[in-house]
Amino acid sequence: MNDTKQKPIGEVTHFFGGIGVAVVKCSASVAVGDKVEFKGATTDFSETISSMQLDHQPVEKAKKGQEIAIKVGKKVREGDTVFSA
């Protein structure tokens, strides 16, 4: 994949390993069903957002500036960048 086409949509601020949830501070809007890519020093995988929460409530869409919780299948780390895939 060509990195110039990817646009960052957020950054991981926290990860809850026991439940597999990443907290992402959005720098662009994102929605359930979007394919995203997590990249970091030891992180590199794509995933389709299957569920997302804002303030412990399920949401379909998040806007720039919001902090959302996304269910993820693999470990992510604080500081990992989230790209639109």
N, C-alpha and C. Protein backbone atom coordinates (compact mmCIF):
# COMPACT_ATOMS: atom_id res chain seq x y z
N MET A 1 0.84 -1.19 0.00
CA MET A 1 0.00 0.00 0.00
C MET A 1 0.89 1.25 0.00
N ASN A 2 0.47 2.24 -0.68
CA ASN A 2 1.23 3.48 -0.78
C ASN A 2 0.92 4.37 0.42
N ASP A 3 1.92 4.66 1.24
CA ASP A 3 1.70 5.44 2.46
C ASP A 3 1.19 6.86 2.21
N THR A 4 1.44 7.41 1.03
CA THR A 4 1.01 8.77 0.77
C THR A 4 -0.51 8.86 0.66
N LYS A 5 -1.19 7.75 0.41
CA LYS A 5 -2.64 7.78 0.28
C LYS A 5 -3.34 7.67 1.64
N GLN A 6 -2.61 7.21 2.65
CA GLN A 6 -3.23 7.05 3.96
C GLN A 6 -3.29 8.39 4.68
N LYS A 7 -4.43 8.62 5.34
CA LYS A 7 -4.51 9.84 6.14
C LYS A 7 -4.76 9.44 7.59
N PRO A 8 -3.99 10.04 8.50
CA PRO A 8 -4.19 9.71 9.91
C PRO A 8 -5.56 10.19 10.38
N ILE A 9 -6.26 9.36 11.12
CA ILE A 9 -7.57 9.76 11.63
C ILE A 9 -7.59 9.80 13.15
N GLY A 10 -6.46 9.44 13.78
CA GLY A 10 -6.43 9.50 15.24
C GLY A 10 -5.19 8.87 15.82
N GLU A 11 -5.13 8.92 17.17
CA GLU A 11 -4.01 8.35 17.89
C GLU A 11 -4.53 7.59 19.10
N VAL A 12 -3.92 6.43 19.37
CA VAL A 12 -4.31 5.63 20.52
C VAL A 12 -3.82 6.33 21.78
N THR A 13 -4.74 6.58 22.73
CA THR A 13 -4.36 7.21 23.99
C THR A 13 -4.35 6.20 25.13
N HIS A 14 -5.04 5.07 24.95
CA HIS A 14 -5.08 4.05 25.99
C HIS A 14 -5.49 2.71 25.38
N PHE A 15 -5.08 1.62 26.03
CA PHE A 15 -5.48 0.29 25.57
C PHE A 15 -5.86 -0.55 26.77
N PHE A 16 -7.04 -1.16 26.70
CA PHE A 16 -7.51 -2.06 27.75
C PHE A 16 -7.35 -3.49 27.24
N GLY A 17 -6.26 -4.13 27.65
CA GLY A 17 -5.92 -5.45 27.14
C GLY A 17 -6.93 -6.53 27.49
N GLY A 18 -7.47 -6.48 28.70
CA GLY A 18 -8.41 -7.52 29.14
C GLY A 18 -9.66 -7.60 28.28
N ILE A 19 -10.11 -6.45 27.77
CA ILE A 19 -11.33 -6.43 26.96
C ILE A 19 -11.06 -6.11 25.50
N GLY A 20 -9.79 -5.85 25.16
CA GLY A 20 -9.43 -5.59 23.76
C GLY A 20 -10.04 -4.33 23.21
N VAL A 21 -9.90 -3.24 23.96
CA VAL A 21 -10.48 -1.97 23.53
C VAL A 21 -9.40 -0.90 23.47
N ALA A 22 -9.35 -0.19 22.35
CA ALA A 22 -8.43 0.93 22.18
C ALA A 22 -9.19 2.23 22.31
N VAL A 23 -8.64 3.17 23.07
CA VAL A 23 -9.21 4.51 23.16
C VAL A 23 -8.45 5.37 22.15
N VAL A 24 -9.20 5.98 21.24
CA VAL A 24 -8.59 6.75 20.15
C VAL A 24 -9.07 8.19 20.19
N LYS A 25 -8.12 9.12 20.18
CA LYS A 25 -8.44 10.55 20.07
C LYS A 25 -8.51 10.85 18.58
N CYS A 26 -9.68 11.20 18.10
CA CYS A 26 -9.91 11.38 16.66
C CYS A 26 -9.37 12.71 16.16
N SER A 27 -8.68 12.66 15.02
CA SER A 27 -8.25 13.89 14.34
C SER A 27 -9.04 14.06 13.05
N ALA A 28 -9.96 13.13 12.79
CA ALA A 28 -10.88 13.19 11.64
C ALA A 28 -12.09 12.34 12.01
N SER A 29 -13.19 12.49 11.27
CA SER A 29 -14.38 11.70 11.59
C SER A 29 -14.17 10.24 11.17
N VAL A 30 -14.84 9.35 11.90
CA VAL A 30 -14.73 7.92 11.66
C VAL A 30 -16.07 7.28 12.00
N ALA A 31 -16.41 6.17 11.34
CA ALA A 31 -17.71 5.55 11.55
C ALA A 31 -17.58 4.03 11.64
N VAL A 32 -18.57 3.42 12.27
CA VAL A 32 -18.64 1.96 12.30
C VAL A 32 -18.70 1.45 10.87
N GLY A 33 -17.93 0.43 10.56
CA GLY A 33 -17.87 -0.10 9.20
C GLY A 33 -16.66 0.39 8.43
N ASP A 34 -16.03 1.48 8.93
CA ASP A 34 -14.81 1.98 8.28
C ASP A 34 -13.66 1.01 8.52
N LYS A 35 -12.80 0.88 7.52
CA LYS A 35 -11.59 0.07 7.69
C LYS A 35 -10.47 1.00 8.13
N VAL A 36 -9.81 0.62 9.23
CA VAL A 36 -8.73 1.44 9.77
C VAL A 36 -7.47 0.61 9.92
N GLU A 37 -6.36 1.29 10.00
CA GLU A 37 -5.07 0.62 10.14
C GLU A 37 -4.36 1.21 11.35
N PHE A 38 -3.89 0.33 12.23
CA PHE A 38 -3.14 0.75 13.42
C PHE A 38 -1.66 0.57 13.12
N LYS A 39 -0.88 1.64 13.30
CA LYS A 39 0.56 1.56 13.04
C LYS A 39 1.33 2.19 14.17
N GLY A 40 2.42 1.51 14.53
CA GLY A 40 3.28 2.02 15.59
C GLY A 40 4.60 1.29 15.54
N ALA A 41 5.42 1.43 16.57
CA ALA A 41 6.74 0.81 16.61
C ALA A 41 6.66 -0.71 16.42
N THR A 42 5.68 -1.33 17.06
CA THR A 42 5.53 -2.79 16.94
C THR A 42 4.11 -3.17 16.52
N THR A 43 3.33 -2.20 16.10
CA THR A 43 1.94 -2.44 15.72
C THR A 43 1.77 -2.17 14.23
N ASP A 44 1.10 -3.10 13.53
CA ASP A 44 0.81 -2.89 12.11
C ASP A 44 -0.26 -3.87 11.67
N PHE A 45 -1.53 -3.47 11.77
CA PHE A 45 -2.62 -4.33 11.29
C PHE A 45 -3.83 -3.48 10.92
N SER A 46 -4.68 -4.07 10.09
CA SER A 46 -5.91 -3.41 9.65
C SER A 46 -7.11 -4.08 10.31
N GLU A 47 -8.14 -3.33 10.47
CA GLU A 47 -9.35 -3.86 11.06
C GLU A 47 -10.54 -3.00 10.64
N THR A 48 -11.70 -3.64 10.50
CA THR A 48 -12.93 -2.91 10.23
C THR A 48 -13.59 -2.64 11.58
N ILE A 49 -13.98 -1.40 11.80
CA ILE A 49 -14.60 -1.04 13.09
C ILE A 49 -15.97 -1.71 13.18
N SER A 50 -16.10 -2.60 14.18
CA SER A 50 -17.36 -3.31 14.36
C SER A 50 -18.21 -2.67 15.45
N SER A 51 -17.55 -2.06 16.44
CA SER A 51 -18.31 -1.33 17.46
C SER A 51 -17.46 -0.20 18.01
N MET A 52 -18.15 0.84 18.41
CA MET A 52 -17.50 2.07 18.84
C MET A 52 -18.34 2.69 19.94
N GLN A 53 -17.68 3.23 20.97
CA GLN A 53 -18.42 3.88 22.04
C GLN A 53 -17.87 5.26 22.34
N LEU A 54 -18.76 6.13 22.75
CA LEU A 54 -18.41 7.48 23.18
C LEU A 54 -19.07 7.67 24.54
N ASP A 55 -18.29 7.93 25.57
CA ASP A 55 -18.82 8.05 26.94
C ASP A 55 -19.66 6.84 27.34
N HIS A 56 -19.16 5.66 27.04
CA HIS A 56 -19.78 4.37 27.38
C HIS A 56 -21.13 4.13 26.69
N GLN A 57 -21.41 4.89 25.63
CA GLN A 57 -22.65 4.70 24.87
C GLN A 57 -22.27 4.32 23.44
N PRO A 58 -22.94 3.30 22.87
CA PRO A 58 -22.64 2.93 21.47
C PRO A 58 -22.96 4.08 20.52
N VAL A 59 -22.05 4.34 19.59
CA VAL A 59 -22.27 5.36 18.57
C VAL A 59 -21.91 4.79 17.21
N GLU A 60 -22.49 5.37 16.17
CA GLU A 60 -22.20 4.93 14.80
C GLU A 60 -21.10 5.77 14.17
N LYS A 61 -20.93 7.00 14.69
CA LYS A 61 -19.99 7.93 14.08
C LYS A 61 -19.33 8.78 15.16
N ALA A 62 -18.08 9.15 14.91
CA ALA A 62 -17.38 10.06 15.82
C ALA A 62 -16.78 11.20 15.01
N LYS A 63 -16.70 12.37 15.64
CA LYS A 63 -16.17 13.54 14.96
C LYS A 63 -14.77 13.86 15.45
N LYS A 64 -14.10 14.71 14.71
CA LYS A 64 -12.77 15.20 15.07
C LYS A 64 -12.83 15.77 16.49
N GLY A 65 -11.81 15.41 17.29
CA GLY A 65 -11.73 15.94 18.65
C GLY A 65 -12.33 15.03 19.71
N GLN A 66 -13.15 14.08 19.29
CA GLN A 66 -13.76 13.17 20.26
C GLN A 66 -12.82 12.01 20.59
N GLU A 67 -12.96 11.49 21.81
CA GLU A 67 -12.21 10.30 22.21
C GLU A 67 -13.18 9.14 22.23
N ILE A 68 -12.89 8.14 21.42
CA ILE A 68 -13.80 7.01 21.29
C ILE A 68 -13.11 5.71 21.69
N ALA A 69 -13.91 4.73 22.06
CA ALA A 69 -13.40 3.40 22.37
C ALA A 69 -13.77 2.48 21.21
N ILE A 70 -12.78 1.78 20.68
CA ILE A 70 -12.98 0.87 19.55
C ILE A 70 -12.56 -0.53 19.97
N LYS A 71 -13.41 -1.50 19.68
CA LYS A 71 -13.06 -2.90 19.94
C LYS A 71 -12.03 -3.33 18.91
N VAL A 72 -10.89 -3.89 19.37
CA VAL A 72 -9.84 -4.33 18.46
C VAL A 72 -9.47 -5.79 18.75
N GLY A 73 -9.01 -6.47 17.70
CA GLY A 73 -8.68 -7.89 17.82
C GLY A 73 -7.24 -8.16 18.22
N LYS A 74 -6.40 -7.12 18.16
CA LYS A 74 -4.99 -7.28 18.50
C LYS A 74 -4.57 -6.18 19.45
N LYS A 75 -3.39 -6.35 20.05
CA LYS A 75 -2.88 -5.36 20.99
C LYS A 75 -2.41 -4.11 20.25
N VAL A 76 -2.78 -2.96 20.80
CA VAL A 76 -2.26 -1.68 20.32
C VAL A 76 -1.58 -0.99 21.50
N ARG A 77 -0.84 0.05 21.22
CA ARG A 77 -0.11 0.75 22.27
C ARG A 77 -0.40 2.23 22.24
N GLU A 78 -0.25 2.88 23.39
CA GLU A 78 -0.41 4.33 23.46
C GLU A 78 0.56 4.96 22.47
N GLY A 79 0.07 5.93 21.72
CA GLY A 79 0.92 6.61 20.75
C GLY A 79 0.84 6.04 19.35
N ASP A 80 0.25 4.82 19.20
CA ASP A 80 0.07 4.26 17.85
C ASP A 80 -0.84 5.19 17.05
N THR A 81 -0.56 5.32 15.77
CA THR A 81 -1.38 6.17 14.90
C THR A 81 -2.43 5.31 14.21
N VAL A 82 -3.63 5.86 14.06
CA VAL A 82 -4.72 5.17 13.39
C VAL A 82 -4.92 5.86 12.04
N PHE A 83 -4.89 5.07 10.97
CA PHE A 83 -5.06 5.59 9.62
C PHE A 83 -6.36 5.07 9.02
N SER A 84 -6.91 5.83 8.08
CA SER A 84 -8.02 5.34 7.27
C SER A 84 -7.42 4.39 6.24
N ALA A 85 -7.91 3.15 6.20
CA ALA A 85 -7.30 2.16 5.30
C ALA A 85 -8.06 2.10 3.98
